[in-house]
Protein backbone atom coordinates (compact mmCIF):
# COMPACT_ATOMS: atom_id res chain seq x y z
CA UNK A 1 -131.10 3.29 -33.72
CA UNK A 2 -133.15 0.92 -31.61
CA UNK A 3 -135.80 -1.18 -33.28
CA UNK A 4 -138.75 -2.91 -31.66
CA UNK A 5 -137.66 -3.53 -28.08
CA UNK A 6 -139.32 -4.84 -24.96
CA UNK A 7 -138.47 -4.50 -21.31
CA UNK A 8 -137.04 -7.45 -19.43
CA UNK A 9 -140.27 -9.00 -18.14
CA UNK A 10 -138.83 -10.29 -14.86
CA UNK A 11 -137.26 -6.94 -14.03
CA UNK A 12 -140.47 -5.14 -14.93
CA UNK A 13 -142.51 -7.52 -12.77
CA UNK A 14 -140.31 -6.89 -9.73
CA UNK A 15 -140.50 -3.14 -10.12
CA UNK A 16 -144.20 -2.89 -10.95
CA UNK A 17 -145.65 -5.62 -8.74
CA UNK A 18 -143.27 -5.89 -5.79
CA UNK A 19 -142.40 -2.21 -5.49
CA UNK A 20 -139.39 -0.05 -4.83
CA UNK A 21 -138.00 -1.86 -1.79
CA UNK A 22 -137.92 -5.23 -3.55
CA UNK A 23 -136.47 -3.58 -6.64
CA UNK A 24 -133.69 -1.96 -4.63
CA UNK A 25 -132.83 -5.33 -3.04
CA UNK A 26 -132.66 -6.85 -6.52
CA UNK A 27 -130.32 -4.05 -7.62
CA UNK A 28 -128.03 -4.68 -4.66
CA UNK A 29 -127.98 -8.41 -5.43
CA UNK A 30 -127.22 -7.83 -9.13
CA UNK A 31 -124.80 -4.88 -9.23
CA UNK A 32 -123.38 -5.86 -12.64
CA UNK A 33 -126.72 -5.92 -14.50
CA UNK A 34 -127.95 -2.81 -16.25
CA UNK A 35 -131.76 -2.91 -15.94
CA UNK A 36 -133.64 -3.04 -19.24
CA UNK A 37 -137.02 -1.33 -18.98
CA UNK A 38 -137.26 0.11 -22.47
CA UNK A 39 -140.83 0.56 -23.73
CA UNK A 40 -142.13 -0.28 -20.25
CA UNK A 41 -145.61 0.78 -19.17
CA UNK A 42 -145.07 2.38 -15.76
CA UNK A 43 -147.92 4.86 -15.86
CA UNK A 44 -148.87 5.96 -12.36
CA UNK A 45 -146.40 3.52 -10.79
CA UNK A 46 -145.29 4.13 -7.18
CA UNK A 47 -141.49 4.20 -7.48
CA UNK A 48 -140.54 6.55 -4.68
CA UNK A 49 -136.85 6.14 -3.73
CA UNK A 50 -136.36 3.43 -6.36
CA UNK A 51 -132.80 2.94 -7.60
CA UNK A 52 -133.10 3.37 -11.36
CA UNK A 53 -129.61 4.71 -11.85
CA UNK A 54 -128.27 3.83 -15.31
CA UNK A 55 -131.52 2.06 -16.24
CA UNK A 56 -132.59 1.79 -19.88
CA UNK A 57 -136.00 3.48 -19.90
CA UNK A 58 -135.96 4.35 -23.59
CA UNK A 59 -139.50 5.12 -24.83
CA UNK A 60 -141.01 4.11 -21.49
CA UNK A 61 -144.29 5.55 -20.25
CA UNK A 62 -143.81 7.14 -16.82
CA UNK A 63 -146.76 9.49 -17.10
CA UNK A 64 -148.01 10.43 -13.64
CA UNK A 65 -145.55 8.06 -11.94
CA UNK A 66 -144.37 8.74 -8.39
CA UNK A 67 -140.56 8.97 -8.54
CA UNK A 68 -139.89 11.34 -5.67
CA UNK A 69 -136.37 10.87 -4.25
CA UNK A 70 -135.68 8.18 -6.85
CA UNK A 71 -132.21 7.70 -8.30
CA UNK A 72 -132.32 8.14 -12.08
CA UNK A 73 -128.75 9.28 -12.53
CA UNK A 74 -127.40 8.39 -15.98
CA UNK A 75 -130.75 6.77 -16.89
CA UNK A 76 -131.77 6.59 -20.55
CA UNK A 77 -135.07 8.47 -20.69
CA UNK A 78 -134.99 9.25 -24.39
CA UNK A 79 -138.39 9.58 -26.06
CA UNK A 80 -140.07 8.71 -22.78
CA UNK A 81 -143.49 9.99 -21.77
CA UNK A 82 -142.79 11.72 -18.46
CA UNK A 83 -145.68 14.18 -18.44
CA UNK A 84 -147.09 14.77 -14.98
CA UNK A 85 -144.50 12.54 -13.30
CA UNK A 86 -143.41 13.35 -9.74
CA UNK A 87 -139.61 13.75 -9.70
CA UNK A 88 -139.41 15.74 -6.49
CA UNK A 89 -135.90 15.53 -4.98
CA UNK A 90 -134.96 12.88 -7.55
CA UNK A 91 -131.39 12.47 -8.77
CA UNK A 92 -131.47 12.97 -12.54
CA UNK A 93 -127.86 14.01 -13.02
CA UNK A 94 -126.43 12.67 -16.25
CA UNK A 95 -129.82 11.37 -17.46
CA UNK A 96 -130.51 11.46 -21.20
CA UNK A 97 -133.81 13.25 -21.95
CA UNK A 98 -133.53 13.42 -25.74
CA UNK A 99 -137.02 13.62 -27.23
CA UNK A 100 -138.76 13.04 -23.88
CA UNK A 101 -142.05 14.70 -22.93
CA UNK A 102 -141.63 16.47 -19.57
CA UNK A 103 -144.61 18.80 -19.79
CA UNK A 104 -146.28 19.28 -16.43
CA UNK A 105 -143.67 17.25 -14.54
CA UNK A 106 -142.83 18.12 -10.93
CA UNK A 107 -139.05 18.55 -10.51
CA UNK A 108 -139.11 20.40 -7.19
CA UNK A 109 -135.63 20.04 -5.58
CA UNK A 110 -134.53 17.59 -8.28
CA UNK A 111 -130.86 17.32 -9.25
CA UNK A 112 -130.50 18.04 -12.98
CA UNK A 113 -126.99 19.40 -12.90
CA UNK A 114 -125.40 19.62 -16.39
CA UNK A 115 -128.36 17.80 -18.00
CA UNK A 116 -129.13 18.50 -21.67
CA UNK A 117 -132.70 19.79 -22.04
CA UNK A 118 -132.05 21.75 -25.21
CA UNK A 119 -134.96 22.32 -27.56
CA UNK A 120 -137.47 20.69 -25.22
CA UNK A 121 -141.00 21.85 -24.38
CA UNK A 122 -140.71 22.51 -20.64
CA UNK A 123 -143.68 24.84 -20.43
CA UNK A 124 -145.32 24.82 -17.03
CA UNK A 125 -142.72 22.48 -15.48
CA UNK A 126 -142.08 22.91 -11.75
CA UNK A 127 -138.33 23.47 -11.23
CA UNK A 128 -138.65 25.05 -7.78
CA UNK A 129 -135.40 24.70 -5.79
CA UNK A 130 -133.96 22.39 -8.47
CA UNK A 131 -130.24 22.08 -9.12
CA UNK A 132 -129.89 23.16 -12.75
CA UNK A 133 -126.26 24.21 -12.63
CA UNK A 134 -124.64 23.94 -16.04
CA UNK A 135 -127.83 22.57 -17.62
CA UNK A 136 -128.36 23.11 -21.34
CA UNK A 137 -131.68 24.89 -21.99
CA UNK A 138 -130.71 26.30 -25.38
CA UNK A 139 -133.78 26.60 -27.59
CA UNK A 140 -136.05 25.20 -24.85
CA UNK A 141 -139.53 26.53 -24.13
CA UNK A 142 -139.72 27.42 -20.43
CA UNK A 143 -142.90 29.46 -20.73
CA UNK A 144 -144.72 29.64 -17.38
CA UNK A 145 -142.17 27.30 -15.78
CA UNK A 146 -141.65 27.82 -12.05
CA UNK A 147 -137.94 28.38 -11.35
CA UNK A 148 -138.36 29.79 -7.84
CA UNK A 149 -135.11 29.41 -5.87
CA UNK A 150 -133.67 27.25 -8.66
CA UNK A 151 -129.90 27.19 -9.22
CA UNK A 152 -129.15 27.96 -12.88
CA UNK A 153 -125.57 29.08 -12.40
CA UNK A 154 -123.63 28.43 -15.59
CA UNK A 155 -126.74 27.23 -17.46
CA UNK A 156 -127.08 27.75 -21.22
CA UNK A 157 -130.25 29.76 -21.93
CA UNK A 158 -129.47 30.83 -25.47
CA UNK A 159 -132.60 31.06 -27.66
CA UNK A 160 -134.71 29.84 -24.73
CA UNK A 161 -138.23 31.18 -24.20
CA UNK A 162 -139.07 32.20 -20.62
CA UNK A 163 -142.33 34.04 -21.15
CA UNK A 164 -144.22 34.39 -17.88
CA UNK A 165 -141.71 32.11 -16.15
CA UNK A 166 -141.37 32.58 -12.38
CA UNK A 167 -137.80 33.58 -11.49
CA UNK A 168 -138.18 34.52 -7.82
CA UNK A 169 -134.77 34.19 -6.10
CA UNK A 170 -133.50 32.22 -9.12
CA UNK A 171 -129.68 32.22 -9.40
CA UNK A 172 -128.54 33.05 -12.95
CA UNK A 173 -124.92 33.71 -12.04
CA UNK A 174 -122.64 32.90 -14.99
CA UNK A 175 -125.55 31.73 -17.15
CA UNK A 176 -125.33 32.35 -20.90
CA UNK A 177 -128.08 34.16 -22.79
CA UNK A 178 -128.50 35.25 -26.38
CA UNK A 179 -131.72 35.47 -28.35
CA UNK A 180 -133.43 34.65 -25.06
CA UNK A 181 -137.03 35.82 -24.63
CA UNK A 182 -138.05 37.16 -21.23
CA UNK A 183 -141.57 38.42 -21.97
CA UNK A 184 -143.62 39.37 -18.88
CA UNK A 185 -140.93 38.11 -16.48
CA UNK A 186 -140.26 39.80 -13.13
CA UNK A 187 -136.47 39.89 -12.58
CA UNK A 188 -136.53 42.04 -9.45
CA UNK A 189 -135.51 39.15 -7.17
CA UNK A 190 -133.19 37.28 -9.55
CA UNK A 191 -129.66 36.62 -8.29
CA UNK A 192 -126.45 36.86 -10.31
CA UNK A 193 -127.68 39.13 -13.11
CA UNK A 194 -124.43 41.10 -13.07
CA UNK A 195 -122.44 38.00 -14.06
CA UNK A 196 -124.74 36.75 -16.83
CA UNK A 197 -122.88 36.13 -20.12
CA UNK A 198 -124.57 38.13 -22.89
CA UNK A 199 -123.73 36.42 -26.17
CA UNK A 200 -126.37 38.10 -28.35
CA UNK A 201 -129.37 40.44 -27.91
CA UNK A 202 -132.09 39.04 -25.65
CA UNK A 203 -135.50 40.61 -25.24
CA UNK A 204 -139.23 40.11 -25.75
CA UNK A 205 -139.35 39.76 -29.53
CA UNK A 206 -137.04 42.78 -29.70
CA UNK A 207 -139.64 45.14 -28.26
CA UNK A 208 -137.43 46.03 -25.29
CA UNK A 209 -133.68 46.37 -24.87
CA UNK A 210 -132.92 47.30 -21.31
CA UNK A 211 -129.54 46.69 -19.73
CA UNK A 212 -128.21 45.00 -16.63
CA UNK A 213 -125.44 47.04 -15.05
CA UNK A 214 -122.96 48.32 -17.65
CA UNK A 215 -122.86 47.97 -21.42
CA UNK A 216 -123.66 44.58 -22.86
CA UNK A 217 -125.19 43.20 -26.05
CA UNK A 218 -127.81 41.23 -24.22
CA UNK A 219 -130.79 43.47 -23.71
CA UNK A 220 -131.81 41.60 -20.53
CA UNK A 221 -134.24 43.72 -18.51
CA UNK A 222 -132.59 45.83 -15.86
CA UNK A 223 -132.22 44.34 -12.38
CA UNK A 224 -135.32 45.31 -10.48
CA UNK A 225 -137.36 45.63 -13.66
CA UNK A 226 -139.90 43.61 -15.57
CA UNK A 227 -139.76 42.36 -19.14
CA UNK A 228 -142.71 42.37 -21.45
């Protein structure tokens, strides 16, 4: 477990004061250094297209930061404050989000393939057009999240809460559900329902148990229907 840590002051100065272009030049000039920005205050910072791949951002404050099209692949974002951050079209594949606060973040078109978001409060998060293939959402709260056109093929949605989530043209092909709550969710335009893996009953607090296609234990609302 990490104790009291501080970001590398020179690295933080380059990123915060000189901006993304200077930071990216520094990264190219120092390919063997893993940036240390743990506990950094980057609230509202303009970091569009910044290369933060593999960066240690443990417990950093990125609230409201502009990170659209940034590279955060394999970054350590554990326990970070990411609420309201702009991650549009950012590469977040392999990032560690353990204990992070993502509420209200904008992840439109972001790449979160195979990322572990289990047990997190993701209520109201914008996942429109995001790559969420193979992502772990088990036990996560996705209430009122916008998953329009998102790719959730192979995602783990067991015990997840999707009350009032927007699933327009969302691809759930091969996703796993069980104990999943779909209260007040319109599934009429969802893709891949026939190939969803039903591992346990899923409904709106067990008030409804409608089926998709043939027999299954899942209780997911019928294709073309509405839950809740």
